[in-house]
Amino acid sequence: MTQASTVETTDVIVVGGGGAGMAAALSARETDADVLLLERTGELGGATAMSIGSYSATGTELQADAGIVDSVDAHIEDIGKFVQQALESPRHLNLDRQGDLLAKDDLALRRSMVERGADTFEWLCEQGLRFEGPYPEPPHRVPRMHNVQPNTDAYAEVLGAAVREAGVDVRTDTPVAELVTDGDRVVGVRTDDAVVESRSGVVLATGGFVADRELRRTFTTDHHAPAVSEHGSGVGHRMARDAGAALRNMDLQWLSFRVGEPLWTEPNVPALTDAGAILVDGDGSRYVNELVDYDQLFSSMHLAADGACYLVFDADVAGAFSSWPDYVSTFPGSAYAYVGDYAETKYLVSATDPAKLADEAGMDADTLTATLDQYNAAATGERIDRYGRTDFAGELRSAPYYALGSIHPYSLITDGGVAVNTRSEALDGDGAPIDGLYAVGDTAAGPLRLGHGHHHLWLFTSGRTAGREAADRVGDA
């Protein structure tokens, strides 16, 4: 390792410039602490800048404006319903995991996250962010999903500007090589050319580890899926572990079907195939029984046409996904997208017959026509299907016909990370805080965050908590 040429000192060091890191830096700076934010890439935003952008919270002004009566306890209970859904309906959940899901949750962190959610939401609005909503999402009993406007780029743009205006020392293109320790205490970080010492604490906000194949190979079931971005480098997990921190729930990762550009949007493939849509490869051939469990459906896409596949359906299926509550996906800048919304993009094409649809989608016309003929014969005859499907929603014969794609499989998010308490302090194997070290967002092992908007709820509340906790220690060390 290259020896550092300079030594600097500051109050709080934040490693990582995504949403959690920017929240930590801003909240620490609000106490007048000197804050240094180190980001290994050339810009702020991280994976937060590539998300859909929803934030689910209870007790916000937007809820009050809509006349919604809600409570923290109700929200906490409803998060548990998402977990129960995951246990009962693995086909409709893209959370890859091993072991008992209930044993992986942390109810103290769940409560802390929800209790701080509304205050953090209003704090985000004070920074200049705008939201629409709230929107419903069962099993939430009331609407709680708030969507950032005009799209998710706002997080990087607005918070990035707020961080700099607040006087945070922001250094991009500055990877951190390791944590610097003094006995059991974390006292700073080492970059390629400097040691920076902290008077009060180091906050790890480096994201998940989707891009670290070695960590995924060690801990997760599916390490073959490509990472949806480079931002989940795993560097924070490795540094924290080297400093004595415990890692929890490292087998949890989200496997995601994405349309178009990798982080554009995620169609609900199981729901669409339940309604009768079929999956075909780039030539127009089916390759799987569409009703298998999510993990099998996901794995099959790796093997089909290098992972570039399409959902093909007819007007009847399209009509079923044209209004609430049957949506195709969440959507950047809004809550939900239906077939009509996708029709306004380049990712959904339609035609009056299968051969013309194939031409529009770049498939082989004879192949797609034969595929639909074979499927319809199985759906109306003896229900004998070469892929083992025996349950058919109906034939695909109603024009116009549609092709949605291309669809690619990705590892989207890892949920495991550094064990933390409700103060965002990193914990060792005995559950004791590591002096001077905090972990937030996807670097930390937070509560289970199923349902839209809970990942942002966690990353912003945990980041804000860590920044304040670290800054409050200035002068104590």
Protein backbone atom coordinates (compact mmCIF):
# COMPACT_ATOMS: atom_id res chain seq x y z
CA MET A 1 0.00 0.00 0.00
CA THR A 2 1.22 3.48 -0.87
CA GLN A 3 2.21 5.37 2.24
CA ALA A 4 0.21 8.51 2.97
CA SER A 5 2.13 11.71 2.36
CA THR A 6 0.02 14.04 4.50
CA VAL A 7 -1.93 13.94 7.73
CA GLU A 8 -5.10 15.98 8.22
CA THR A 9 -7.59 16.32 11.06
CA THR A 10 -11.32 17.02 11.01
CA ASP A 11 -14.30 16.40 13.26
CA VAL A 12 -16.47 13.94 11.32
CA ILE A 13 -15.49 11.84 8.31
CA VAL A 14 -18.20 10.43 6.05
CA VAL A 15 -17.09 7.74 3.59
CA GLY A 16 -19.49 7.56 0.66
CA GLY A 17 -21.55 10.21 -1.10
CA GLY A 18 -24.86 8.48 -1.76
CA GLY A 19 -28.10 9.41 -0.05
CA ALA A 20 -27.10 8.06 3.36
CA GLY A 21 -23.69 9.70 3.21
CA MET A 22 -25.07 13.09 2.19
CA ALA A 23 -27.66 12.88 4.99
CA ALA A 24 -24.93 12.07 7.50
CA ALA A 25 -22.70 14.90 6.31
CA LEU A 26 -25.51 17.45 6.35
CA SER A 27 -26.78 16.51 9.79
CA ALA A 28 -23.26 16.58 11.24
CA ARG A 29 -22.59 19.96 9.66
CA GLU A 30 -25.76 21.40 11.21
CA THR A 31 -23.96 21.28 14.57
CA ASP A 32 -21.09 23.37 13.13
CA ALA A 33 -18.80 20.37 13.16
CA ASP A 34 -16.10 20.25 10.52
CA VAL A 35 -17.17 17.50 8.11
CA LEU A 36 -15.21 15.77 5.37
CA LEU A 37 -17.12 13.68 2.81
CA LEU A 38 -15.03 11.28 0.71
CA GLU A 39 -16.57 9.75 -2.43
CA ARG A 40 -14.61 7.25 -4.51
CA THR A 41 -16.40 8.09 -7.80
CA GLY A 42 -16.49 11.36 -9.66
CA GLU A 43 -19.89 12.55 -8.40
CA LEU A 44 -22.30 12.41 -5.51
CA GLY A 45 -25.51 10.39 -5.56
CA GLY A 46 -24.41 6.76 -5.49
CA ALA A 47 -27.09 4.12 -6.01
CA THR A 48 -29.68 6.58 -4.62
CA ALA A 49 -29.46 8.50 -7.88
CA MET A 50 -30.53 5.39 -9.79
CA SER A 51 -33.52 4.30 -7.71
CA ILE A 52 -37.23 4.86 -8.30
CA GLY A 53 -37.17 7.43 -5.51
CA SER A 54 -40.05 6.50 -3.20
CA TYR A 55 -39.97 7.23 0.53
CA SER A 56 -42.58 5.59 2.77
CA ALA A 57 -43.28 7.40 6.01
CA THR A 58 -45.96 8.03 8.62
CA GLY A 59 -47.08 11.38 10.04
CA THR A 60 -45.95 13.64 7.20
CA GLU A 61 -47.59 16.90 6.22
CA LEU A 62 -48.61 15.37 2.90
CA GLN A 63 -50.48 12.66 4.79
CA ALA A 64 -52.19 15.31 6.91
CA ASP A 65 -53.09 17.36 3.84
CA ALA A 66 -54.76 14.27 2.37
CA GLY A 67 -56.75 13.72 5.57
CA ILE A 68 -54.94 10.47 6.36
CA VAL A 69 -54.94 9.37 9.99
CA ASP A 70 -51.95 7.17 10.71
CA SER A 71 -49.68 6.08 13.54
CA VAL A 72 -46.17 4.80 14.10
CA ASP A 73 -47.47 1.60 15.64
CA ALA A 74 -49.69 0.94 12.62
CA HIS A 75 -46.79 1.45 10.24
CA ILE A 76 -44.53 -0.85 12.26
CA GLU A 77 -47.22 -3.52 12.22
CA ASP A 78 -47.77 -3.15 8.46
CA ILE A 79 -44.07 -3.61 7.72
CA GLY A 80 -44.45 -6.96 9.44
CA LYS A 81 -47.23 -7.80 6.97
CA PHE A 82 -44.77 -7.36 4.09
CA VAL A 83 -42.47 -9.82 5.83
CA GLN A 84 -45.34 -12.28 6.24
CA GLN A 85 -46.15 -11.93 2.54
CA ALA A 86 -42.57 -12.82 1.75
CA LEU A 87 -42.85 -15.98 3.81
CA GLU A 88 -46.11 -17.02 2.19
CA SER A 89 -45.55 -15.97 -1.44
CA PRO A 90 -41.95 -16.59 -2.53
CA ARG A 91 -43.00 -16.49 -6.19
CA HIS A 92 -43.82 -12.81 -5.91
CA LEU A 93 -40.76 -11.75 -3.96
CA ASN A 94 -37.31 -11.11 -5.32
CA LEU A 95 -35.51 -11.31 -1.98
CA ASP A 96 -32.86 -14.02 -2.21
CA ARG A 97 -32.08 -15.36 1.24
CA GLN A 98 -31.05 -18.34 3.30
CA GLY A 99 -32.41 -19.32 6.70
CA ASP A 100 -35.32 -17.96 8.72
CA LEU A 101 -36.44 -14.57 7.45
CA LEU A 102 -38.15 -13.65 10.71
CA ALA A 103 -34.94 -14.23 12.64
CA LYS A 104 -33.18 -11.69 10.45
CA ASP A 105 -35.39 -8.75 11.39
CA ASP A 106 -34.50 -6.20 14.06
CA LEU A 107 -37.63 -4.76 15.61
CA ALA A 108 -35.77 -2.07 17.54
CA LEU A 109 -34.27 -0.75 14.30
CA ARG A 110 -37.67 -0.99 12.59
CA ARG A 111 -39.27 1.15 15.28
CA SER A 112 -36.41 3.65 15.26
CA MET A 113 -36.65 3.96 11.47
CA VAL A 114 -40.41 4.57 11.48
CA GLU A 115 -40.36 6.93 14.47
CA ARG A 116 -37.77 9.15 12.76
CA GLY A 117 -39.33 8.91 9.32
CA ALA A 118 -41.66 11.92 9.34
CA ASP A 119 -39.13 14.29 10.88
CA THR A 120 -36.51 13.19 8.37
CA PHE A 121 -39.02 13.61 5.54
CA GLU A 122 -39.70 17.21 6.54
CA TRP A 123 -35.93 17.73 6.89
CA LEU A 124 -35.45 16.50 3.33
CA CYS A 125 -38.11 18.95 2.18
CA GLU A 126 -36.27 21.75 4.00
CA GLN A 127 -33.19 20.92 1.93
CA GLY A 128 -35.26 21.64 -1.21
CA LEU A 129 -36.63 18.24 -2.22
CA ARG A 130 -40.23 17.99 -3.44
CA PHE A 131 -42.51 14.97 -3.16
CA GLU A 132 -45.91 13.88 -4.40
CA GLY A 133 -48.31 11.56 -2.66
CA PRO A 134 -48.80 9.73 -0.49
CA TYR A 135 -49.83 6.74 -2.60
CA PRO A 136 -51.28 3.40 -1.48
CA GLU A 137 -49.46 0.10 -1.46
CA PRO A 138 -51.13 -2.89 0.20
CA PRO A 139 -50.68 -4.27 2.80
CA HIS A 140 -50.12 -0.72 4.07
CA ARG A 141 -53.51 0.13 5.58
CA VAL A 142 -53.23 3.77 4.49
CA PRO A 143 -51.20 5.56 1.77
CA ARG A 144 -47.59 6.13 2.88
CA MET A 145 -45.53 6.15 -0.32
CA HIS A 146 -44.09 9.60 -1.16
CA ASN A 147 -42.38 10.01 -4.54
CA VAL A 148 -39.59 12.48 -5.15
CA GLN A 149 -40.08 15.00 -7.96
CA PRO A 150 -39.42 15.41 -10.82
CA ASN A 151 -37.49 12.12 -10.60
CA THR A 152 -34.84 10.38 -8.55
CA ASP A 153 -32.06 12.58 -9.92
CA ALA A 154 -33.31 15.18 -7.44
CA TYR A 155 -31.69 13.38 -4.52
CA ALA A 156 -28.21 13.78 -5.98
CA GLU A 157 -28.78 17.27 -7.33
CA VAL A 158 -30.58 18.84 -4.35
CA LEU A 159 -28.72 17.13 -1.53
CA GLY A 160 -25.41 17.48 -3.34
CA ALA A 161 -25.93 21.22 -3.59
CA ALA A 162 -27.07 21.40 0.04
CA VAL A 163 -23.98 19.55 1.24
CA ARG A 164 -21.65 21.97 -0.51
CA GLU A 165 -23.63 25.06 0.51
CA ALA A 166 -23.48 23.91 4.14
CA GLY A 167 -19.70 23.99 4.02
CA VAL A 168 -18.97 20.27 3.96
CA ASP A 169 -15.54 19.52 2.51
CA VAL A 170 -16.51 17.27 -0.43
CA ARG A 171 -13.79 15.30 -2.20
CA THR A 172 -14.78 13.11 -5.13
CA ASP A 173 -12.48 10.63 -6.88
CA THR A 174 -11.08 9.87 -3.43
CA PRO A 175 -11.33 6.20 -2.48
CA VAL A 176 -10.66 5.20 1.12
CA ALA A 177 -8.21 2.32 1.49
CA GLU A 178 -8.72 1.43 5.16
CA LEU A 179 -9.81 2.61 8.56
CA VAL A 180 -7.18 3.87 10.96
CA THR A 181 -7.49 2.53 14.48
CA ASP A 182 -5.91 3.23 17.85
CA GLY A 183 -6.48 0.14 19.92
CA ASP A 184 -10.21 -0.60 19.78
CA ARG A 185 -11.11 2.92 18.59
CA VAL A 186 -11.51 4.06 14.99
CA VAL A 187 -9.67 7.35 14.69
CA GLY A 188 -9.62 8.07 10.98
CA VAL A 189 -9.18 6.80 7.43
CA ARG A 190 -6.36 6.28 4.98
CA THR A 191 -6.71 7.34 1.35
CA ASP A 192 -4.13 6.75 -1.35
CA ASP A 193 -2.16 9.83 -0.39
CA ALA A 194 -3.29 10.97 3.04
CA VAL A 195 -4.28 9.95 6.53
CA VAL A 196 -7.29 11.89 7.79
CA GLU A 197 -7.86 11.75 11.52
CA SER A 198 -11.28 12.25 13.09
CA ARG A 199 -11.91 13.94 16.40
CA SER A 200 -15.27 12.24 16.89
CA GLY A 201 -16.23 9.57 14.36
CA VAL A 202 -16.15 7.91 10.96
CA VAL A 203 -19.44 7.18 9.18
CA LEU A 204 -19.38 4.37 6.62
CA ALA A 205 -21.93 5.08 3.89
CA THR A 206 -20.37 3.11 1.05
CA GLY A 207 -23.51 1.27 -0.05
CA GLY A 208 -24.00 -2.46 -0.42
CA PHE A 209 -21.82 -5.15 -1.95
CA VAL A 210 -23.64 -6.14 -5.16
CA ALA A 211 -20.53 -5.38 -7.22
CA ASP A 212 -18.25 -7.46 -4.98
CA ARG A 213 -18.42 -10.95 -6.48
CA GLU A 214 -16.23 -12.44 -3.75
CA LEU A 215 -18.52 -11.30 -0.94
CA ARG A 216 -21.59 -12.41 -2.87
CA ARG A 217 -19.99 -15.77 -3.59
CA THR A 218 -19.23 -16.18 0.11
CA PHE A 219 -22.60 -15.15 1.50
CA THR A 220 -25.40 -15.26 -1.08
CA THR A 221 -27.16 -17.97 -3.06
CA ASP A 222 -26.97 -16.24 -6.45
CA HIS A 223 -23.64 -14.56 -7.19
CA HIS A 224 -23.89 -14.97 -10.97
CA ALA A 225 -26.35 -12.17 -11.68
CA PRO A 226 -24.57 -9.01 -12.83
CA ALA A 227 -24.57 -6.09 -10.41
CA VAL A 228 -26.96 -3.37 -11.43
CA SER A 229 -24.31 -0.73 -10.68
CA GLU A 230 -20.75 -0.24 -9.53
CA HIS A 231 -21.82 1.55 -6.38
CA GLY A 232 -22.14 -1.57 -4.24
CA SER A 233 -18.39 -2.07 -3.98
CA GLY A 234 -18.39 -3.81 -0.58
CA VAL A 235 -15.48 -1.69 0.57
CA GLY A 236 -17.28 -0.49 3.70
CA HIS A 237 -18.18 -4.04 4.72
CA ARG A 238 -14.57 -5.11 4.38
CA MET A 239 -13.13 -2.15 6.26
CA ALA A 240 -15.62 -2.50 9.09
CA ARG A 241 -14.95 -6.22 9.40
CA ASP A 242 -11.21 -5.56 9.55
CA ALA A 243 -11.88 -3.09 12.38
CA GLY A 244 -13.74 -5.74 14.38
CA ALA A 245 -17.34 -5.09 13.35
CA ALA A 246 -19.80 -7.94 13.03
CA LEU A 247 -21.63 -8.52 9.74
CA ARG A 248 -25.29 -9.58 9.78
CA ASN A 249 -27.81 -10.83 7.24
CA MET A 250 -25.19 -11.03 4.51
CA ASP A 251 -27.24 -13.58 2.56
CA LEU A 252 -29.96 -11.04 1.77
CA GLN A 253 -29.98 -9.60 -1.74
CA TRP A 254 -32.65 -8.35 -4.10
CA LEU A 255 -32.79 -10.03 -7.50
CA SER A 256 -34.46 -7.80 -10.03
CA PHE A 257 -35.89 -7.94 -13.55
CA ARG A 258 -35.10 -4.60 -15.18
CA VAL A 259 -36.36 -3.14 -18.45
CA GLY A 260 -34.26 -1.07 -20.82
CA GLU A 261 -31.41 0.78 -19.23
CA PRO A 262 -30.38 -1.22 -16.13
CA LEU A 263 -31.96 1.03 -13.55
CA TRP A 264 -34.93 2.29 -15.48
CA THR A 265 -37.79 0.28 -14.01
CA GLU A 266 -38.79 -3.18 -12.78
CA PRO A 267 -41.89 -4.86 -14.26
CA ASN A 268 -43.75 -7.31 -12.04
CA VAL A 269 -42.94 -10.37 -14.13
CA PRO A 270 -44.70 -12.91 -11.86
CA ALA A 271 -47.95 -10.91 -11.83
CA LEU A 272 -47.94 -10.48 -15.59
CA THR A 273 -47.23 -14.16 -16.23
CA ASP A 274 -49.94 -15.15 -13.74
CA ALA A 275 -52.34 -13.15 -15.92
CA GLY A 276 -51.23 -14.98 -19.08
CA ALA A 277 -48.13 -13.25 -20.41
CA ILE A 278 -45.32 -15.49 -21.65
CA LEU A 279 -41.56 -15.07 -21.56
CA VAL A 280 -39.56 -15.39 -24.79
CA ASP A 281 -35.93 -14.96 -25.70
CA GLY A 282 -34.54 -12.57 -28.28
CA ASP A 283 -35.61 -14.85 -31.13
CA GLY A 284 -39.17 -15.24 -29.90
CA SER A 285 -38.95 -18.72 -28.32
CA ARG A 286 -40.32 -19.59 -24.89
CA TYR A 287 -37.73 -21.01 -22.53
CA VAL A 288 -39.43 -21.63 -19.17
CA ASN A 289 -42.63 -22.51 -17.36
CA GLU A 290 -43.56 -18.97 -16.40
CA LEU A 291 -45.25 -20.09 -13.17
CA VAL A 292 -42.15 -21.44 -11.41
CA ASP A 293 -40.87 -19.74 -8.26
CA TYR A 294 -39.10 -16.42 -8.58
CA ASP A 295 -35.61 -17.84 -8.11
CA GLN A 296 -36.16 -20.40 -10.89
CA LEU A 297 -37.68 -17.75 -13.13
CA PHE A 298 -34.72 -15.49 -12.45
CA SER A 299 -32.12 -18.21 -13.05
CA SER A 300 -33.74 -19.27 -16.33
CA MET A 301 -33.30 -15.77 -17.72
CA HIS A 302 -29.54 -16.07 -17.28
CA LEU A 303 -29.58 -18.96 -19.73
CA ALA A 304 -31.92 -17.47 -22.33
CA ALA A 305 -30.43 -15.26 -25.04
CA ASP A 306 -27.72 -13.93 -22.70
CA GLY A 307 -30.39 -12.67 -20.35
CA ALA A 308 -32.19 -10.44 -22.88
CA CYS A 309 -35.84 -11.52 -22.83
CA TYR A 310 -39.34 -10.19 -23.44
CA LEU A 311 -42.81 -10.42 -21.97
CA VAL A 312 -45.32 -11.10 -24.73
CA PHE A 313 -49.05 -10.68 -24.12
CA ASP A 314 -52.29 -9.71 -25.83
CA ALA A 315 -54.96 -7.04 -25.44
CA ASP A 316 -56.77 -8.95 -22.70
CA VAL A 317 -53.69 -9.04 -20.49
CA ALA A 318 -52.94 -5.41 -21.33
CA GLY A 319 -56.42 -4.43 -20.23
CA ALA A 320 -55.90 -6.15 -16.89
CA PHE A 321 -52.88 -3.93 -16.18
CA SER A 322 -54.38 -0.58 -17.10
CA SER A 323 -55.60 0.73 -13.75
CA TRP A 324 -55.14 0.43 -9.99
CA PRO A 325 -54.49 -1.92 -8.28
CA ASP A 326 -52.99 -3.92 -11.16
CA TYR A 327 -49.88 -1.97 -12.15
CA VAL A 328 -46.91 -3.08 -14.21
CA SER A 329 -44.33 -1.44 -11.94
CA THR A 330 -43.46 1.60 -9.95
CA PHE A 331 -42.25 4.41 -12.16
CA PRO A 332 -39.58 7.12 -11.99
CA GLY A 333 -41.17 10.39 -10.93
CA SER A 334 -44.57 8.89 -10.13
CA ALA A 335 -46.05 6.05 -8.13
CA TYR A 336 -47.19 3.43 -10.60
CA ALA A 337 -47.00 2.65 -14.30
CA TYR A 338 -49.58 0.78 -16.36
CA VAL A 339 -49.50 -0.60 -19.88
CA GLY A 340 -50.51 2.80 -21.24
CA ASP A 341 -47.53 4.45 -19.55
CA TYR A 342 -45.13 1.92 -21.03
CA ALA A 343 -46.71 2.41 -24.46
CA GLU A 344 -45.31 5.94 -24.40
CA THR A 345 -41.77 4.57 -24.07
CA LYS A 346 -39.52 2.65 -26.44
CA TYR A 347 -39.70 -0.41 -24.20
CA LEU A 348 -43.21 -1.55 -25.16
CA VAL A 349 -44.10 -2.26 -28.80
CA SER A 350 -47.40 -3.50 -30.21
CA ALA A 351 -48.79 -4.84 -33.48
CA THR A 352 -51.93 -6.36 -34.94
CA ASP A 353 -50.47 -9.87 -35.34
CA PRO A 354 -47.53 -11.91 -33.98
CA ALA A 355 -45.41 -11.63 -37.15
CA LYS A 356 -45.62 -7.84 -37.15
CA LEU A 357 -44.92 -7.78 -33.41
CA ALA A 358 -41.77 -9.79 -34.02
CA ASP A 359 -40.63 -7.25 -36.60
CA GLU A 360 -41.25 -4.40 -34.18
CA ALA A 361 -39.32 -6.14 -31.38
CA GLY A 362 -36.48 -7.46 -33.51
CA MET A 363 -37.45 -11.13 -33.12
CA ASP A 364 -37.83 -13.82 -35.76
CA ALA A 365 -41.39 -13.62 -37.14
CA ASP A 366 -41.79 -17.35 -37.83
CA THR A 367 -40.41 -18.26 -34.42
CA LEU A 368 -42.69 -15.95 -32.45
CA THR A 369 -45.73 -16.98 -34.48
CA ALA A 370 -44.99 -20.66 -33.86
CA THR A 371 -44.39 -19.96 -30.16
CA LEU A 372 -47.81 -18.37 -29.75
CA ASP A 373 -49.49 -21.14 -31.76
CA GLN A 374 -47.92 -23.80 -29.54
CA TYR A 375 -48.83 -21.95 -26.36
CA ASN A 376 -52.43 -21.42 -27.45
CA ALA A 377 -52.76 -25.08 -28.42
CA ALA A 378 -51.59 -26.12 -24.95
CA ALA A 379 -53.91 -23.60 -23.31
CA THR A 380 -57.00 -24.88 -25.15
CA GLY A 381 -56.25 -28.57 -25.71
CA GLU A 382 -55.02 -31.19 -23.32
CA ARG A 383 -52.90 -28.63 -21.47
CA ILE A 384 -49.70 -30.43 -22.37
CA ASP A 385 -46.86 -27.94 -22.44
CA ARG A 386 -43.24 -28.77 -23.25
CA TYR A 387 -42.11 -26.63 -20.31
CA GLY A 388 -44.43 -28.29 -17.80
CA ARG A 389 -46.99 -25.54 -17.47
CA THR A 390 -50.46 -26.88 -16.67
CA ASP A 391 -52.22 -23.75 -15.38
CA PHE A 392 -53.16 -21.31 -18.14
CA ALA A 393 -54.93 -18.00 -17.69
CA GLY A 394 -56.20 -18.22 -21.26
CA GLU A 395 -55.15 -18.02 -24.89
CA LEU A 396 -53.18 -15.13 -26.33
CA ARG A 397 -55.33 -14.31 -29.36
CA SER A 398 -56.70 -10.80 -28.82
CA ALA A 399 -55.06 -8.09 -30.92
CA PRO A 400 -53.13 -5.95 -30.48
CA TYR A 401 -50.19 -7.99 -29.26
CA TYR A 402 -47.47 -6.53 -27.05
CA ALA A 403 -43.79 -7.15 -26.31
CA LEU A 404 -42.23 -5.54 -23.22
CA GLY A 405 -38.46 -5.48 -23.01
CA SER A 406 -35.80 -6.29 -23.34
CA ILE A 407 -35.73 -7.55 -19.76
CA HIS A 408 -32.47 -8.34 -17.99
CA PRO A 409 -31.75 -10.02 -14.63
CA TYR A 410 -29.65 -8.13 -12.08
CA SER A 411 -28.60 -8.23 -8.48
CA LEU A 412 -30.11 -4.95 -7.37
CA ILE A 413 -29.42 -4.41 -3.66
CA THR A 414 -27.77 -6.28 -0.82
CA ASP A 415 -29.46 -5.87 2.56
CA GLY A 416 -26.80 -7.39 4.81
CA GLY A 417 -24.06 -5.39 6.39
CA VAL A 418 -22.46 -4.03 9.52
CA ALA A 419 -24.39 -4.75 12.71
CA VAL A 420 -25.62 -1.45 14.20
CA ASN A 421 -27.76 -0.17 17.05
CA THR A 422 -30.43 2.56 16.97
CA ARG A 423 -27.67 5.20 17.21
CA SER A 424 -26.11 3.83 13.98
CA GLU A 425 -23.02 2.76 15.94
CA ALA A 426 -21.20 -0.23 14.48
CA LEU A 427 -21.20 -3.26 16.78
CA ASP A 428 -18.65 -5.96 17.39
CA GLY A 429 -19.36 -9.67 17.69
CA ASP A 430 -20.50 -9.26 21.30
CA GLY A 431 -22.94 -6.48 20.40
CA ALA A 432 -20.81 -3.71 21.91
CA PRO A 433 -20.34 -0.41 20.03
CA ILE A 434 -17.01 0.13 18.29
CA ASP A 435 -15.79 3.49 19.46
CA GLY A 436 -15.74 6.05 16.66
CA LEU A 437 -17.39 3.93 13.95
CA TYR A 438 -20.86 4.27 12.45
CA ALA A 439 -22.53 2.50 9.53
CA VAL A 440 -25.60 3.63 7.60
CA GLY A 441 -27.79 2.85 4.61
CA ASP A 442 -26.95 -0.32 2.70
CA THR A 443 -23.61 -0.58 4.49
CA ALA A 444 -25.51 -1.39 7.67
CA ALA A 445 -27.67 -4.40 8.49
CA GLY A 446 -30.89 -2.55 9.07
CA PRO A 447 -34.41 -3.82 9.64
CA LEU A 448 -36.07 -5.83 6.88
CA ARG A 449 -37.16 -3.26 4.31
CA LEU A 450 -39.76 -4.96 2.13
CA GLY A 451 -42.23 -2.80 0.24
CA HIS A 452 -41.48 0.32 -1.77
CA GLY A 453 -39.95 3.30 -0.02
CA HIS A 454 -38.54 1.59 3.05
CA HIS A 455 -34.98 1.48 1.72
CA HIS A 456 -34.97 5.26 1.39
CA LEU A 457 -36.66 5.58 4.76
CA TRP A 458 -33.82 3.59 6.29
CA LEU A 459 -30.90 5.18 4.47
CA PHE A 460 -31.95 8.76 5.19
CA THR A 461 -32.96 8.18 8.83
CA SER A 462 -29.88 6.11 9.62
CA GLY A 463 -27.60 8.58 7.86
CA ARG A 464 -29.07 11.54 9.63
CA THR A 465 -28.84 9.74 12.97
CA ALA A 466 -25.19 8.84 12.50
CA GLY A 467 -24.21 12.36 11.50
CA ARG A 468 -25.77 13.85 14.60
CA GLU A 469 -24.40 11.17 16.91
CA ALA A 470 -20.87 11.58 15.58
CA ALA A 471 -21.01 15.36 15.69
CA ASP A 472 -22.32 15.35 19.28
CA ARG A 473 -19.04 13.69 20.32
CA VAL A 474 -16.86 16.53 19.06
CA GLY A 475 -14.67 17.57 21.97
CA ASP A 476 -15.35 14.41 23.96
CA ALA A 477 -12.53 12.32 22.51
